Full PDB file with SEQRES, HELIX, SHEET, SSBOND, CRYST1, ORIGX, SCALE, CONECT and MASTER records, all heavy atoms in Angstrom:
SEQRES   1 A   36  LYS THR ALA TYR TYR HIS VAL PHE ASP ILE LEU LYS GLN          
SEQRES   2 A   36  SER ASN VAL THR ALA ARG ARG LEU LEU ILE LEU PHE TYR          
SEQRES   3 A   36  THR ILE GLY PHE GLY PHE PHE ILE THR VAL                      
HELIX    1 AA1 THR A    2  LYS A   12  1                                  11    
HELIX    2 AA2 VAL A   16  THR A   35  1                                  20    
CRYST1    1.000    1.000    1.000  90.00  90.00  90.00 P 1           1          
ORIGX1      1.000000  0.000000  0.000000        0.00000                         
ORIGX2      0.000000  1.000000  0.000000        0.00000                         
ORIGX3      0.000000  0.000000  1.000000        0.00000                         
SCALE1      1.000000  0.000000  0.000000        0.00000                         
SCALE2      0.000000  1.000000  0.000000        0.00000                         
SCALE3      0.000000  0.000000  1.000000        0.00000                         
ATOM      1  N   LYS A   1       1.404 -19.008  32.461  1.00  0.00           N  
ATOM      2  CA  LYS A   1       0.529 -19.064  31.281  1.00  0.00           C  
ATOM      3  C   LYS A   1       0.447 -17.710  30.592  1.00  0.00           C  
ATOM      4  O   LYS A   1       0.533 -17.608  29.363  1.00  0.00           O  
ATOM      5  CB  LYS A   1      -0.866 -19.545  31.686  1.00  0.00           C  
ATOM      6  CG  LYS A   1      -1.799 -19.766  30.507  1.00  0.00           C  
ATOM      7  CD  LYS A   1      -3.105 -20.412  30.956  1.00  0.00           C  
ATOM      8  CE  LYS A   1      -4.004 -20.721  29.776  1.00  0.00           C  
ATOM      9  NZ  LYS A   1      -5.255 -21.423  30.201  1.00  0.00           N  
ATOM     10  N   THR A   2       0.287 -16.649  31.381  1.00  0.00           N  
ATOM     11  CA  THR A   2       0.202 -15.298  30.822  1.00  0.00           C  
ATOM     12  C   THR A   2       1.508 -14.913  30.143  1.00  0.00           C  
ATOM     13  O   THR A   2       1.510 -14.308  29.066  1.00  0.00           O  
ATOM     14  CB  THR A   2      -0.124 -14.271  31.922  1.00  0.00           C  
ATOM     15  OG1 THR A   2      -1.263 -14.713  32.663  1.00  0.00           O  
ATOM     16  CG2 THR A   2      -0.430 -12.914  31.316  1.00  0.00           C  
ATOM     17  N   ALA A   3       2.634 -15.269  30.770  1.00  0.00           N  
ATOM     18  CA  ALA A   3       3.949 -14.971  30.196  1.00  0.00           C  
ATOM     19  C   ALA A   3       4.145 -15.712  28.880  1.00  0.00           C  
ATOM     20  O   ALA A   3       4.692 -15.162  27.907  1.00  0.00           O  
ATOM     21  CB  ALA A   3       5.050 -15.344  31.178  1.00  0.00           C  
ATOM     22  N   TYR A   4       3.674 -16.951  28.847  1.00  0.00           N  
ATOM     23  CA  TYR A   4       3.798 -17.759  27.621  1.00  0.00           C  
ATOM     24  C   TYR A   4       3.074 -17.081  26.462  1.00  0.00           C  
ATOM     25  O   TYR A   4       3.639 -16.911  25.368  1.00  0.00           O  
ATOM     26  CB  TYR A   4       3.223 -19.153  27.849  1.00  0.00           C  
ATOM     27  CG  TYR A   4       3.064 -19.946  26.574  1.00  0.00           C  
ATOM     28  CD1 TYR A   4       4.133 -20.650  26.031  1.00  0.00           C  
ATOM     29  CD2 TYR A   4       1.845 -19.975  25.892  1.00  0.00           C  
ATOM     30  CE1 TYR A   4       3.997 -21.367  24.849  1.00  0.00           C  
ATOM     31  CE2 TYR A   4       1.692 -20.689  24.720  1.00  0.00           C  
ATOM     32  CZ  TYR A   4       2.769 -21.377  24.200  1.00  0.00           C  
ATOM     33  OH  TYR A   4       2.622 -22.076  23.023  1.00  0.00           O  
ATOM     34  N   TYR A   5       1.830 -16.666  26.679  1.00  0.00           N  
ATOM     35  CA  TYR A   5       1.061 -16.047  25.595  1.00  0.00           C  
ATOM     36  C   TYR A   5       1.579 -14.650  25.247  1.00  0.00           C  
ATOM     37  O   TYR A   5       1.418 -14.192  24.113  1.00  0.00           O  
ATOM     38  CB  TYR A   5      -0.426 -16.016  25.940  1.00  0.00           C  
ATOM     39  CG  TYR A   5      -1.074 -17.370  25.752  1.00  0.00           C  
ATOM     40  CD1 TYR A   5      -1.536 -18.108  26.838  1.00  0.00           C  
ATOM     41  CD2 TYR A   5      -1.189 -17.927  24.480  1.00  0.00           C  
ATOM     42  CE1 TYR A   5      -2.107 -19.363  26.665  1.00  0.00           C  
ATOM     43  CE2 TYR A   5      -1.760 -19.185  24.303  1.00  0.00           C  
ATOM     44  CZ  TYR A   5      -2.220 -19.892  25.384  1.00  0.00           C  
ATOM     45  OH  TYR A   5      -2.770 -21.136  25.203  1.00  0.00           O  
ATOM     46  N   HIS A   6       2.213 -13.989  26.216  1.00  0.00           N  
ATOM     47  CA  HIS A   6       2.854 -12.704  25.935  1.00  0.00           C  
ATOM     48  C   HIS A   6       3.955 -12.906  24.897  1.00  0.00           C  
ATOM     49  O   HIS A   6       4.038 -12.160  23.903  1.00  0.00           O  
ATOM     50  CB  HIS A   6       3.434 -12.118  27.224  1.00  0.00           C  
ATOM     51  CG  HIS A   6       4.039 -10.761  27.058  1.00  0.00           C  
ATOM     52  ND1 HIS A   6       3.379  -9.608  27.429  1.00  0.00           N  
ATOM     53  CD2 HIS A   6       5.234 -10.364  26.554  1.00  0.00           C  
ATOM     54  CE1 HIS A   6       4.140  -8.565  27.167  1.00  0.00           C  
ATOM     55  NE2 HIS A   6       5.277  -8.997  26.635  1.00  0.00           N  
ATOM     56  N   VAL A   7       4.796 -13.895  25.121  1.00  0.00           N  
ATOM     57  CA  VAL A   7       5.889 -14.198  24.190  1.00  0.00           C  
ATOM     58  C   VAL A   7       5.332 -14.795  22.892  1.00  0.00           C  
ATOM     59  O   VAL A   7       5.775 -14.455  21.791  1.00  0.00           O  
ATOM     60  CB  VAL A   7       6.890 -15.175  24.841  1.00  0.00           C  
ATOM     61  CG1 VAL A   7       7.974 -15.578  23.842  1.00  0.00           C  
ATOM     62  CG2 VAL A   7       7.521 -14.555  26.084  1.00  0.00           C  
ATOM     63  N   PHE A   8       4.349 -15.666  23.018  1.00  0.00           N  
ATOM     64  CA  PHE A   8       3.743 -16.334  21.860  1.00  0.00           C  
ATOM     65  C   PHE A   8       3.175 -15.315  20.866  1.00  0.00           C  
ATOM     66  O   PHE A   8       3.357 -15.429  19.647  1.00  0.00           O  
ATOM     67  CB  PHE A   8       2.633 -17.273  22.349  1.00  0.00           C  
ATOM     68  CG  PHE A   8       2.020 -18.127  21.273  1.00  0.00           C  
ATOM     69  CD1 PHE A   8       2.627 -19.308  20.877  1.00  0.00           C  
ATOM     70  CD2 PHE A   8       0.835 -17.757  20.671  1.00  0.00           C  
ATOM     71  CE1 PHE A   8       2.063 -20.110  19.891  1.00  0.00           C  
ATOM     72  CE2 PHE A   8       0.253 -18.542  19.681  1.00  0.00           C  
ATOM     73  CZ  PHE A   8       0.862 -19.725  19.289  1.00  0.00           C  
ATOM     74  N   ASP A   9       2.501 -14.290  21.386  1.00  0.00           N  
ATOM     75  CA  ASP A   9       1.892 -13.280  20.524  1.00  0.00           C  
ATOM     76  C   ASP A   9       2.948 -12.458  19.781  1.00  0.00           C  
ATOM     77  O   ASP A   9       2.734 -12.046  18.637  1.00  0.00           O  
ATOM     78  CB  ASP A   9       0.990 -12.341  21.342  1.00  0.00           C  
ATOM     79  CG  ASP A   9      -0.297 -13.016  21.795  1.00  0.00           C  
ATOM     80  OD1 ASP A   9      -0.675 -14.040  21.184  1.00  0.00           O  
ATOM     81  OD2 ASP A   9      -0.922 -12.531  22.758  1.00  0.00           O  
ATOM     82  N   ILE A  10       4.081 -12.223  20.420  1.00  0.00           N  
ATOM     83  CA  ILE A  10       5.172 -11.508  19.751  1.00  0.00           C  
ATOM     84  C   ILE A  10       5.759 -12.370  18.639  1.00  0.00           C  
ATOM     85  O   ILE A  10       6.004 -11.905  17.520  1.00  0.00           O  
ATOM     86  CB  ILE A  10       6.273 -11.114  20.752  1.00  0.00           C  
ATOM     87  CG1 ILE A  10       5.728 -10.133  21.799  1.00  0.00           C  
ATOM     88  CG2 ILE A  10       7.466 -10.483  20.020  1.00  0.00           C  
ATOM     89  CD1 ILE A  10       6.707  -9.812  22.909  1.00  0.00           C  
ATOM     90  N   LEU A  11       5.967 -13.644  18.949  1.00  0.00           N  
ATOM     91  CA  LEU A  11       6.538 -14.565  17.964  1.00  0.00           C  
ATOM     92  C   LEU A  11       5.636 -14.720  16.743  1.00  0.00           C  
ATOM     93  O   LEU A  11       6.115 -14.818  15.610  1.00  0.00           O  
ATOM     94  CB  LEU A  11       6.777 -15.935  18.604  1.00  0.00           C  
ATOM     95  CG  LEU A  11       7.948 -16.042  19.586  1.00  0.00           C  
ATOM     96  CD1 LEU A  11       7.907 -17.380  20.310  1.00  0.00           C  
ATOM     97  CD2 LEU A  11       9.266 -15.887  18.846  1.00  0.00           C  
ATOM     98  N   LYS A  12       4.333 -14.761  16.964  1.00  0.00           N  
ATOM     99  CA  LYS A  12       3.388 -14.933  15.851  1.00  0.00           C  
ATOM    100  C   LYS A  12       3.520 -13.817  14.816  1.00  0.00           C  
ATOM    101  O   LYS A  12       3.316 -14.043  13.621  1.00  0.00           O  
ATOM    102  CB  LYS A  12       1.944 -14.972  16.371  1.00  0.00           C  
ATOM    103  CG  LYS A  12       1.543 -16.259  17.049  1.00  0.00           C  
ATOM    104  CD  LYS A  12       0.033 -16.383  17.170  1.00  0.00           C  
ATOM    105  CE  LYS A  12      -0.594 -15.203  17.873  1.00  0.00           C  
ATOM    106  NZ  LYS A  12      -2.057 -15.372  18.012  1.00  0.00           N  
ATOM    107  N   GLN A  13       3.863 -12.618  15.288  1.00  0.00           N  
ATOM    108  CA  GLN A  13       3.945 -11.465  14.396  1.00  0.00           C  
ATOM    109  C   GLN A  13       5.379 -11.163  13.953  1.00  0.00           C  
ATOM    110  O   GLN A  13       5.629 -10.143  13.303  1.00  0.00           O  
ATOM    111  CB  GLN A  13       3.366 -10.230  15.100  1.00  0.00           C  
ATOM    112  CG  GLN A  13       1.915 -10.356  15.529  1.00  0.00           C  
ATOM    113  CD  GLN A  13       0.974 -10.500  14.340  1.00  0.00           C  
ATOM    114  OE1 GLN A  13       1.275 -10.048  13.236  1.00  0.00           O  
ATOM    115  NE2 GLN A  13      -0.166 -11.132  14.559  1.00  0.00           N  
ATOM    116  N   SER A  14       6.304 -12.038  14.285  1.00  0.00           N  
ATOM    117  CA  SER A  14       7.708 -11.780  13.976  1.00  0.00           C  
ATOM    118  C   SER A  14       8.017 -11.998  12.492  1.00  0.00           C  
ATOM    119  O   SER A  14       7.271 -12.646  11.770  1.00  0.00           O  
ATOM    120  CB  SER A  14       8.605 -12.690  14.829  1.00  0.00           C  
ATOM    121  OG  SER A  14       8.409 -14.055  14.488  1.00  0.00           O  
ATOM    122  N   ASN A  15       9.133 -11.447  12.064  1.00  0.00           N  
ATOM    123  CA  ASN A  15       9.692 -11.633  10.716  1.00  0.00           C  
ATOM    124  C   ASN A  15       8.669 -11.362   9.609  1.00  0.00           C  
ATOM    125  O   ASN A  15       8.247 -12.265   8.879  1.00  0.00           O  
ATOM    126  CB  ASN A  15      10.259 -13.053  10.579  1.00  0.00           C  
ATOM    127  CG  ASN A  15      11.363 -13.110   9.535  1.00  0.00           C  
ATOM    128  OD1 ASN A  15      11.392 -12.308   8.607  1.00  0.00           O  
ATOM    129  ND2 ASN A  15      12.251 -14.076   9.688  1.00  0.00           N  
ATOM    130  N   VAL A  16       8.306 -10.122   9.474  1.00  0.00           N  
ATOM    131  CA  VAL A  16       7.312  -9.707   8.471  1.00  0.00           C  
ATOM    132  C   VAL A  16       7.786 -10.017   7.051  1.00  0.00           C  
ATOM    133  O   VAL A  16       7.001 -10.446   6.201  1.00  0.00           O  
ATOM    134  CB  VAL A  16       7.014  -8.196   8.602  1.00  0.00           C  
ATOM    135  CG1 VAL A  16       6.066  -7.741   7.505  1.00  0.00           C  
ATOM    136  CG2 VAL A  16       6.420  -7.886   9.972  1.00  0.00           C  
ATOM    137  N   THR A  17       9.077  -9.823   6.788  1.00  0.00           N  
ATOM    138  CA  THR A  17       9.607 -10.063   5.445  1.00  0.00           C  
ATOM    139  C   THR A  17       9.400 -11.501   5.011  1.00  0.00           C  
ATOM    140  O   THR A  17       8.961 -11.769   3.882  1.00  0.00           O  
ATOM    141  CB  THR A  17      11.113  -9.726   5.390  1.00  0.00           C  
ATOM    142  OG1 THR A  17      11.315  -8.357   5.737  1.00  0.00           O  
ATOM    143  CG2 THR A  17      11.672  -9.979   4.003  1.00  0.00           C  
ATOM    144  N   ALA A  18       9.696 -12.448   5.901  1.00  0.00           N  
ATOM    145  CA  ALA A  18       9.511 -13.862   5.577  1.00  0.00           C  
ATOM    146  C   ALA A  18       8.043 -14.176   5.327  1.00  0.00           C  
ATOM    147  O   ALA A  18       7.702 -14.939   4.410  1.00  0.00           O  
ATOM    148  CB  ALA A  18      10.054 -14.739   6.711  1.00  0.00           C  
ATOM    149  N   ARG A  19       7.147 -13.581   6.112  1.00  0.00           N  
ATOM    150  CA  ARG A  19       5.717 -13.842   5.939  1.00  0.00           C  
ATOM    151  C   ARG A  19       5.198 -13.246   4.633  1.00  0.00           C  
ATOM    152  O   ARG A  19       4.330 -13.821   3.981  1.00  0.00           O  
ATOM    153  CB  ARG A  19       4.936 -13.308   7.143  1.00  0.00           C  
ATOM    154  CG  ARG A  19       5.168 -14.129   8.410  1.00  0.00           C  
ATOM    155  CD  ARG A  19       4.268 -13.712   9.553  1.00  0.00           C  
ATOM    156  NE  ARG A  19       4.659 -12.457  10.145  1.00  0.00           N  
ATOM    157  CZ  ARG A  19       3.853 -11.431  10.341  1.00  0.00           C  
ATOM    158  NH1 ARG A  19       2.584 -11.495   9.959  1.00  0.00           N  
ATOM    159  NH2 ARG A  19       4.282 -10.327  10.914  1.00  0.00           N  
ATOM    160  N   ARG A  20       5.750 -12.117   4.231  1.00  0.00           N  
ATOM    161  CA  ARG A  20       5.376 -11.529   2.940  1.00  0.00           C  
ATOM    162  C   ARG A  20       5.803 -12.443   1.788  1.00  0.00           C  
ATOM    163  O   ARG A  20       5.069 -12.630   0.813  1.00  0.00           O  
ATOM    164  CB  ARG A  20       6.016 -10.154   2.789  1.00  0.00           C  
ATOM    165  CG  ARG A  20       5.334  -9.054   3.581  1.00  0.00           C  
ATOM    166  CD  ARG A  20       6.117  -7.762   3.492  1.00  0.00           C  
ATOM    167  NE  ARG A  20       5.412  -6.657   4.140  1.00  0.00           N  
ATOM    168  CZ  ARG A  20       5.992  -5.507   4.463  1.00  0.00           C  
ATOM    169  NH1 ARG A  20       7.278  -5.320   4.232  1.00  0.00           N  
ATOM    170  NH2 ARG A  20       5.283  -4.551   5.034  1.00  0.00           N  
ATOM    171  N   LEU A  21       7.004 -12.993   1.900  1.00  0.00           N  
ATOM    172  CA  LEU A  21       7.494 -13.900   0.862  1.00  0.00           C  
ATOM    173  C   LEU A  21       6.650 -15.171   0.801  1.00  0.00           C  
ATOM    174  O   LEU A  21       6.398 -15.708  -0.292  1.00  0.00           O  
ATOM    175  CB  LEU A  21       8.959 -14.247   1.119  1.00  0.00           C  
ATOM    176  CG  LEU A  21       9.966 -13.112   0.893  1.00  0.00           C  
ATOM    177  CD1 LEU A  21      11.360 -13.535   1.341  1.00  0.00           C  
ATOM    178  CD2 LEU A  21       9.985 -12.705  -0.583  1.00  0.00           C  
ATOM    179  N   LEU A  22       6.207 -15.653   1.954  1.00  0.00           N  
ATOM    180  CA  LEU A  22       5.342 -16.833   1.977  1.00  0.00           C  
ATOM    181  C   LEU A  22       4.032 -16.559   1.241  1.00  0.00           C  
ATOM    182  O   LEU A  22       3.570 -17.387   0.442  1.00  0.00           O  
ATOM    183  CB  LEU A  22       5.054 -17.255   3.422  1.00  0.00           C  
ATOM    184  CG  LEU A  22       6.170 -17.989   4.153  1.00  0.00           C  
ATOM    185  CD1 LEU A  22       5.786 -18.220   5.612  1.00  0.00           C  
ATOM    186  CD2 LEU A  22       6.460 -19.326   3.491  1.00  0.00           C  
ATOM    187  N   ILE A  23       3.444 -15.400   1.510  1.00  0.00           N  
ATOM    188  CA  ILE A  23       2.209 -15.010   0.815  1.00  0.00           C  
ATOM    189  C   ILE A  23       2.438 -14.997  -0.696  1.00  0.00           C  
ATOM    190  O   ILE A  23       1.629 -15.505  -1.480  1.00  0.00           O  
ATOM    191  CB  ILE A  23       1.734 -13.620   1.286  1.00  0.00           C  
ATOM    192  CG1 ILE A  23       1.046 -13.724   2.645  1.00  0.00           C  
ATOM    193  CG2 ILE A  23       0.767 -13.003   0.292  1.00  0.00           C  
ATOM    194  CD1 ILE A  23      -0.326 -14.366   2.594  1.00  0.00           C  
ATOM    195  N   LEU A  24       3.558 -14.407  -1.114  1.00  0.00           N  
ATOM    196  CA  LEU A  24       3.880 -14.277  -2.533  1.00  0.00           C  
ATOM    197  C   LEU A  24       3.995 -15.643  -3.204  1.00  0.00           C  
ATOM    198  O   LEU A  24       3.330 -15.910  -4.220  1.00  0.00           O  
ATOM    199  CB  LEU A  24       5.180 -13.494  -2.705  1.00  0.00           C  
ATOM    200  CG  LEU A  24       5.728 -13.382  -4.133  1.00  0.00           C  
ATOM    201  CD1 LEU A  24       4.758 -12.583  -4.998  1.00  0.00           C  
ATOM    202  CD2 LEU A  24       7.113 -12.736  -4.134  1.00  0.00           C  
ATOM    203  N   PHE A  25       4.825 -16.532  -2.638  1.00  0.00           N  
ATOM    204  CA  PHE A  25       5.081 -17.821  -3.293  1.00  0.00           C  
ATOM    205  C   PHE A  25       3.898 -18.780  -3.186  1.00  0.00           C  
ATOM    206  O   PHE A  25       3.630 -19.546  -4.122  1.00  0.00           O  
ATOM    207  CB  PHE A  25       6.357 -18.455  -2.732  1.00  0.00           C  
ATOM    208  CG  PHE A  25       7.613 -17.799  -3.227  1.00  0.00           C  
ATOM    209  CD1 PHE A  25       8.377 -16.988  -2.397  1.00  0.00           C  
ATOM    210  CD2 PHE A  25       8.020 -17.965  -4.541  1.00  0.00           C  
ATOM    211  CE1 PHE A  25       9.521 -16.362  -2.866  1.00  0.00           C  
ATOM    212  CE2 PHE A  25       9.169 -17.348  -5.021  1.00  0.00           C  
ATOM    213  CZ  PHE A  25       9.917 -16.547  -4.186  1.00  0.00           C  
ATOM    214  N   TYR A  26       3.174 -18.752  -2.076  1.00  0.00           N  
ATOM    215  CA  TYR A  26       1.967 -19.583  -1.979  1.00  0.00           C  
ATOM    216  C   TYR A  26       0.910 -19.126  -2.983  1.00  0.00           C  
ATOM    217  O   TYR A  26       0.250 -19.950  -3.626  1.00  0.00           O  
ATOM    218  CB  TYR A  26       1.386 -19.533  -0.562  1.00  0.00           C  
ATOM    219  CG  TYR A  26       2.048 -20.464   0.416  1.00  0.00           C  
ATOM    220  CD1 TYR A  26       2.392 -20.030   1.708  1.00  0.00           C  
ATOM    221  CD2 TYR A  26       2.326 -21.789   0.084  1.00  0.00           C  
ATOM    222  CE1 TYR A  26       3.008 -20.881   2.612  1.00  0.00           C  
ATOM    223  CE2 TYR A  26       2.936 -22.645   0.986  1.00  0.00           C  
ATOM    224  CZ  TYR A  26       3.274 -22.186   2.255  1.00  0.00           C  
ATOM    225  OH  TYR A  26       3.870 -23.030   3.158  1.00  0.00           O  
ATOM    226  N   THR A  27       0.758 -17.810  -3.135  1.00  0.00           N  
ATOM    227  CA  THR A  27      -0.239 -17.272  -4.066  1.00  0.00           C  
ATOM    228  C   THR A  27       0.090 -17.657  -5.505  1.00  0.00           C  
ATOM    229  O   THR A  27      -0.780 -18.120  -6.263  1.00  0.00           O  
ATOM    230  CB  THR A  27      -0.317 -15.731  -3.960  1.00  0.00           C  
ATOM    231  OG1 THR A  27      -0.692 -15.374  -2.617  1.00  0.00           O  
ATOM    232  CG2 THR A  27      -1.348 -15.174  -4.922  1.00  0.00           C  
ATOM    233  N   ILE A  28       1.353 -17.486  -5.890  1.00  0.00           N  
ATOM    234  CA  ILE A  28       1.763 -17.841  -7.254  1.00  0.00           C  
ATOM    235  C   ILE A  28       1.629 -19.348  -7.472  1.00  0.00           C  
ATOM    236  O   ILE A  28       1.135 -19.800  -8.509  1.00  0.00           O  
ATOM    237  CB  ILE A  28       3.216 -17.394  -7.519  1.00  0.00           C  
ATOM    238  CG1 ILE A  28       3.315 -15.873  -7.445  1.00  0.00           C  
ATOM    239  CG2 ILE A  28       3.686 -17.887  -8.883  1.00  0.00           C  
ATOM    240  CD1 ILE A  28       4.732 -15.345  -7.562  1.00  0.00           C  
ATOM    241  N   GLY A  29       2.071 -20.135  -6.471  1.00  0.00           N  
ATOM    242  CA  GLY A  29       1.993 -21.595  -6.583  1.00  0.00           C  
ATOM    243  C   GLY A  29       0.574 -22.086  -6.763  1.00  0.00           C  
ATOM    244  O   GLY A  29       0.285 -22.911  -7.652  1.00  0.00           O  
ATOM    245  N   PHE A  30      -0.342 -21.604  -5.918  1.00  0.00           N  
ATOM    246  CA  PHE A  30      -1.739 -22.009  -6.034  1.00  0.00           C  
ATOM    247  C   PHE A  30      -2.358 -21.482  -7.327  1.00  0.00           C  
ATOM    248  O   PHE A  30      -3.221 -22.128  -7.924  1.00  0.00           O  
ATOM    249  CB  PHE A  30      -2.544 -21.526  -4.827  1.00  0.00           C  
ATOM    250  CG  PHE A  30      -2.393 -22.393  -3.621  1.00  0.00           C  
ATOM    251  CD1 PHE A  30      -1.786 -21.909  -2.461  1.00  0.00           C  
ATOM    252  CD2 PHE A  30      -2.847 -23.711  -3.621  1.00  0.00           C  
ATOM    253  CE1 PHE A  30      -1.635 -22.715  -1.348  1.00  0.00           C  
ATOM    254  CE2 PHE A  30      -2.704 -24.519  -2.505  1.00  0.00           C  
ATOM    255  CZ  PHE A  30      -2.101 -24.025  -1.360  1.00  0.00           C  
ATOM    256  N   GLY A  31      -1.903 -20.308  -7.772  1.00  0.00           N  
ATOM    257  CA  GLY A  31      -2.409 -19.752  -9.026  1.00  0.00           C  
ATOM    258  C   GLY A  31      -2.088 -20.653 -10.204  1.00  0.00           C  
ATOM    259  O   GLY A  31      -2.959 -20.952 -11.036  1.00  0.00           O  
ATOM    260  N   PHE A  32      -0.833 -21.107 -10.282  1.00  0.00           N  
ATOM    261  CA  PHE A  32      -0.430 -22.033 -11.345  1.00  0.00           C  
ATOM    262  C   PHE A  32      -1.223 -23.339 -11.264  1.00  0.00           C  
ATOM    263  O   PHE A  32      -1.709 -23.855 -12.275  1.00  0.00           O  
ATOM    264  CB  PHE A  32       1.073 -22.347 -11.240  1.00  0.00           C  
ATOM    265  CG  PHE A  32       1.963 -21.246 -11.728  1.00  0.00           C  
ATOM    266  CD1 PHE A  32       3.179 -21.002 -11.102  1.00  0.00           C  
ATOM    267  CD2 PHE A  32       1.599 -20.457 -12.804  1.00  0.00           C  
ATOM    268  CE1 PHE A  32       4.013 -19.981 -11.553  1.00  0.00           C  
ATOM    269  CE2 PHE A  32       2.427 -19.433 -13.266  1.00  0.00           C  
ATOM    270  CZ  PHE A  32       3.640 -19.204 -12.633  1.00  0.00           C  
ATOM    271  N   PHE A  33      -1.343 -23.871 -10.048  1.00  0.00           N  
ATOM    272  CA  PHE A  33      -1.997 -25.164  -9.861  1.00  0.00           C  
ATOM    273  C   PHE A  33      -3.483 -25.097 -10.236  1.00  0.00           C  
ATOM    274  O   PHE A  33      -4.009 -25.977 -10.914  1.00  0.00           O  
ATOM    275  CB  PHE A  33      -1.839 -25.614  -8.409  1.00  0.00           C  
ATOM    276  CG  PHE A  33      -2.348 -26.999  -8.140  1.00  0.00           C  
ATOM    277  CD1 PHE A  33      -1.670 -28.105  -8.633  1.00  0.00           C  
ATOM    278  CD2 PHE A  33      -3.511 -27.208  -7.415  1.00  0.00           C  
ATOM    279  CE1 PHE A  33      -2.133 -29.397  -8.391  1.00  0.00           C  
ATOM    280  CE2 PHE A  33      -3.977 -28.483  -7.178  1.00  0.00           C  
ATOM    281  CZ  PHE A  33      -3.294 -29.580  -7.668  1.00  0.00           C  
ATOM    282  N   ILE A  34      -4.148 -24.036  -9.790  1.00  0.00           N  
ATOM    283  CA  ILE A  34      -5.578 -23.879 -10.097  1.00  0.00           C  
ATOM    284  C   ILE A  34      -5.794 -23.689 -11.599  1.00  0.00           C  
ATOM    285  O   ILE A  34      -6.765 -24.190 -12.167  1.00  0.00           O  
ATOM    286  CB  ILE A  34      -6.169 -22.692  -9.301  1.00  0.00           C  
ATOM    287  CG1 ILE A  34      -6.210 -23.045  -7.810  1.00  0.00           C  
ATOM    288  CG2 ILE A  34      -7.575 -22.350  -9.792  1.00  0.00           C  
ATOM    289  CD1 ILE A  34      -6.601 -21.895  -6.914  1.00  0.00           C  
ATOM    290  N   THR A  35      -4.868 -22.980 -12.251  1.00  0.00           N  
ATOM    291  CA  THR A  35      -4.968 -22.793 -13.706  1.00  0.00           C  
ATOM    292  C   THR A  35      -4.947 -24.128 -14.430  1.00  0.00           C  
ATOM    293  O   THR A  35      -5.731 -24.361 -15.361  1.00  0.00           O  
ATOM    294  CB  THR A  35      -3.807 -21.905 -14.215  1.00  0.00           C  
ATOM    295  OG1 THR A  35      -3.872 -20.630 -13.578  1.00  0.00           O  
ATOM    296  CG2 THR A  35      -3.895 -21.715 -15.723  1.00  0.00           C  
ATOM    297  N   VAL A  36      -4.061 -25.021 -14.007  1.00  0.00           N  
ATOM    298  CA  VAL A  36      -3.981 -26.356 -14.608  1.00  0.00           C  
ATOM    299  C   VAL A  36      -5.291 -27.116 -14.395  1.00  0.00           C  
ATOM    300  O   VAL A  36      -5.821 -27.745 -15.318  1.00  0.00           O  
ATOM    301  CB  VAL A  36      -2.805 -27.149 -14.009  1.00  0.00           C  
ATOM    302  CG1 VAL A  36      -2.837 -28.605 -14.485  1.00  0.00           C  
ATOM    303  CG2 VAL A  36      -1.486 -26.509 -14.380  1.00  0.00           C  
TER     304      VAL A  36                                                      
MASTER        0    0    0    2    0    0    0    6  303    1    0    3          
END                                                                             
């Protein structure tokens, strides 16, 4: 169990670039939708 969460916590924080892009496109998408 401890080993699982050790790996799980690393995976959660992986690929910062992809997560930044997700923030960008979700923010713009919701911005357009809320404006409508």
